[in-house]
Amino acid sequence: MYSHMMVGSNDIDRSKKFYDATFTAMGGREGSVDPKGRLIYMHNGGLFLVTKPIDGEPATHGNGCTVGFAMTPEQADAWHAAGVENGGTAIEDPPGIREGSGMKMYLAYLRDPDGNKLCALHRVTD
């Protein structure tokens, strides 16, 4: 069902620095910029885009929205560190294992420079 995810940004250059660092930290590639000025990242069959809002209004983050990226715990740690070093903000608990509802997951959370909530997730199987 998932085809892509797009978030808004008020500063595409700042976002490119942040997302290039986080995507390369998890084994992806730097993003490309299309003719409309949108950043495009492709990794593991998924498509993630960053754009200025087409209505001309300022970009804002969605309250209650989270964009989750699947990766290993090692990639999640590198992703989290790269994000903090490149303008992101560490949020919630530090990266690590969380258990609940019969599940065990390795999670790391960031807000990008525009306030979008991001999550690195690895489902732990025993």
Protein backbone atom coordinates (compact mmCIF):
# COMPACT_ATOMS: atom_id res chain seq x y z
CA MET A 1 0.00 0.00 0.00
CA TYR A 2 2.84 2.43 0.75
CA SER A 3 4.14 4.28 -2.30
CA HIS A 4 5.87 7.35 -0.89
CA MET A 5 6.09 9.89 1.91
CA MET A 6 6.53 13.62 1.48
CA VAL A 7 7.26 16.25 4.12
CA GLY A 8 7.38 20.01 3.83
CA SER A 9 10.39 22.24 4.35
CA ASN A 10 10.95 25.97 4.53
CA ASP A 11 14.65 25.58 3.62
CA ILE A 12 15.43 22.91 1.02
CA ASP A 13 19.23 23.40 1.30
CA ARG A 14 19.09 22.88 5.08
CA SER A 15 16.88 19.83 4.59
CA LYS A 16 19.23 18.39 1.97
CA LYS A 17 22.15 18.60 4.41
CA PHE A 18 20.10 16.86 7.13
CA TYR A 19 18.53 14.14 4.96
CA ASP A 20 21.70 13.44 2.94
CA ALA A 21 23.49 12.78 6.26
CA THR A 22 20.74 10.58 7.70
CA PHE A 23 20.14 8.56 4.53
CA THR A 24 23.83 7.91 3.90
CA ALA A 25 24.23 6.91 7.58
CA MET A 26 21.70 4.11 7.04
CA GLY A 27 23.26 2.95 3.79
CA GLY A 28 21.27 5.04 1.31
CA ARG A 29 22.34 7.68 -1.17
CA GLU A 30 22.22 11.45 -1.14
CA GLY A 31 19.04 12.91 -2.55
CA SER A 32 18.54 14.43 -5.96
CA VAL A 33 16.62 17.61 -6.73
CA ASP A 34 13.93 17.41 -9.41
CA PRO A 35 12.98 20.29 -11.76
CA LYS A 36 10.32 21.45 -9.27
CA GLY A 37 12.95 21.82 -6.53
CA ARG A 38 11.85 18.77 -4.52
CA LEU A 39 14.38 16.50 -2.83
CA ILE A 40 13.97 12.84 -3.75
CA TYR A 41 15.40 9.90 -1.82
CA MET A 42 15.02 6.26 -2.90
CA HIS A 43 16.03 3.41 -0.61
CA ASN A 44 14.92 -0.22 -0.22
CA GLY A 45 12.01 0.28 -2.62
CA GLY A 46 10.64 3.33 -0.79
CA LEU A 47 10.42 6.90 -1.98
CA PHE A 48 10.79 9.87 0.38
CA LEU A 49 10.41 13.46 -0.80
CA VAL A 50 10.95 16.89 0.74
CA THR A 51 9.29 19.95 -0.78
CA LYS A 52 8.26 23.51 -0.17
CA PRO A 53 4.44 23.54 0.11
CA ILE A 54 2.82 24.09 -3.28
CA ASP A 55 0.27 26.50 -1.79
CA GLY A 56 3.03 28.98 -0.94
CA GLU A 57 2.28 28.84 2.79
CA PRO A 58 5.00 27.98 5.34
CA ALA A 59 5.74 24.30 5.91
CA THR A 60 4.62 22.98 9.27
CA HIS A 61 4.97 19.56 10.83
CA GLY A 62 1.94 17.38 11.47
CA ASN A 63 1.05 16.94 15.12
CA GLY A 64 0.77 13.19 15.72
CA CYS A 65 2.44 12.29 12.42
CA THR A 66 5.59 10.16 12.32
CA VAL A 67 7.62 8.98 9.33
CA GLY A 68 9.20 5.60 10.09
CA PHE A 69 12.24 4.12 8.37
CA ALA A 70 13.14 0.43 8.67
CA MET A 71 16.80 -0.30 9.45
CA THR A 72 19.13 -2.31 11.67
CA PRO A 73 19.98 -1.11 15.20
CA GLU A 74 23.48 -0.18 13.99
CA GLN A 75 22.04 1.85 11.14
CA ALA A 76 19.57 3.47 13.55
CA ASP A 77 22.40 4.61 15.82
CA ALA A 78 24.36 6.04 12.87
CA TRP A 79 21.17 7.65 11.47
CA HIS A 80 20.37 9.24 14.84
CA ALA A 81 23.90 10.59 15.32
CA ALA A 82 24.04 11.96 11.76
CA GLY A 83 20.68 13.65 12.24
CA VAL A 84 21.69 15.37 15.48
CA GLU A 85 25.00 16.47 13.91
CA ASN A 86 23.17 17.97 10.92
CA GLY A 87 20.45 20.12 12.45
CA GLY A 88 18.03 17.52 13.82
CA THR A 89 16.82 17.22 17.40
CA ALA A 90 16.87 14.04 19.47
CA ILE A 91 13.43 13.41 20.96
CA GLU A 92 11.74 10.87 23.22
CA ASP A 93 13.97 8.23 24.84
CA PRO A 94 17.54 7.62 23.63
CA PRO A 95 17.89 5.01 20.87
CA GLY A 96 17.31 1.54 22.21
CA ILE A 97 15.00 -1.41 22.72
CA ARG A 98 11.37 -0.84 23.70
CA GLU A 99 9.00 -3.61 24.68
CA GLY A 100 5.23 -3.61 24.82
CA SER A 101 2.14 -5.33 23.50
CA GLY A 102 4.14 -8.49 22.93
CA MET A 103 6.62 -6.73 20.64
CA LYS A 104 10.27 -5.87 21.01
CA MET A 105 11.62 -3.08 18.83
CA TYR A 106 14.79 -1.03 18.53
CA LEU A 107 13.69 2.60 18.11
CA ALA A 108 15.33 5.99 17.63
CA TYR A 109 13.48 9.29 17.18
CA LEU A 110 14.44 12.65 15.68
CA ARG A 111 12.79 15.84 14.55
CA ASP A 112 14.19 17.19 11.30
CA PRO A 113 15.12 20.90 11.06
CA ASP A 114 11.50 21.74 10.12
CA GLY A 115 10.03 19.80 13.06
CA ASN A 116 8.88 16.66 11.21
CA LYS A 117 8.96 13.61 13.50
CA LEU A 118 11.08 10.72 12.23
CA CYS A 119 11.59 7.22 13.60
CA ALA A 120 14.16 4.51 12.93
CA LEU A 121 12.63 1.10 13.64
CA HIS A 122 13.93 -2.46 13.81
CA ARG A 123 11.65 -5.29 14.91
CA VAL A 124 13.64 -7.60 17.19
CA THR A 125 13.04 -11.28 16.72
CA ASP A 126 14.33 -13.69 19.34
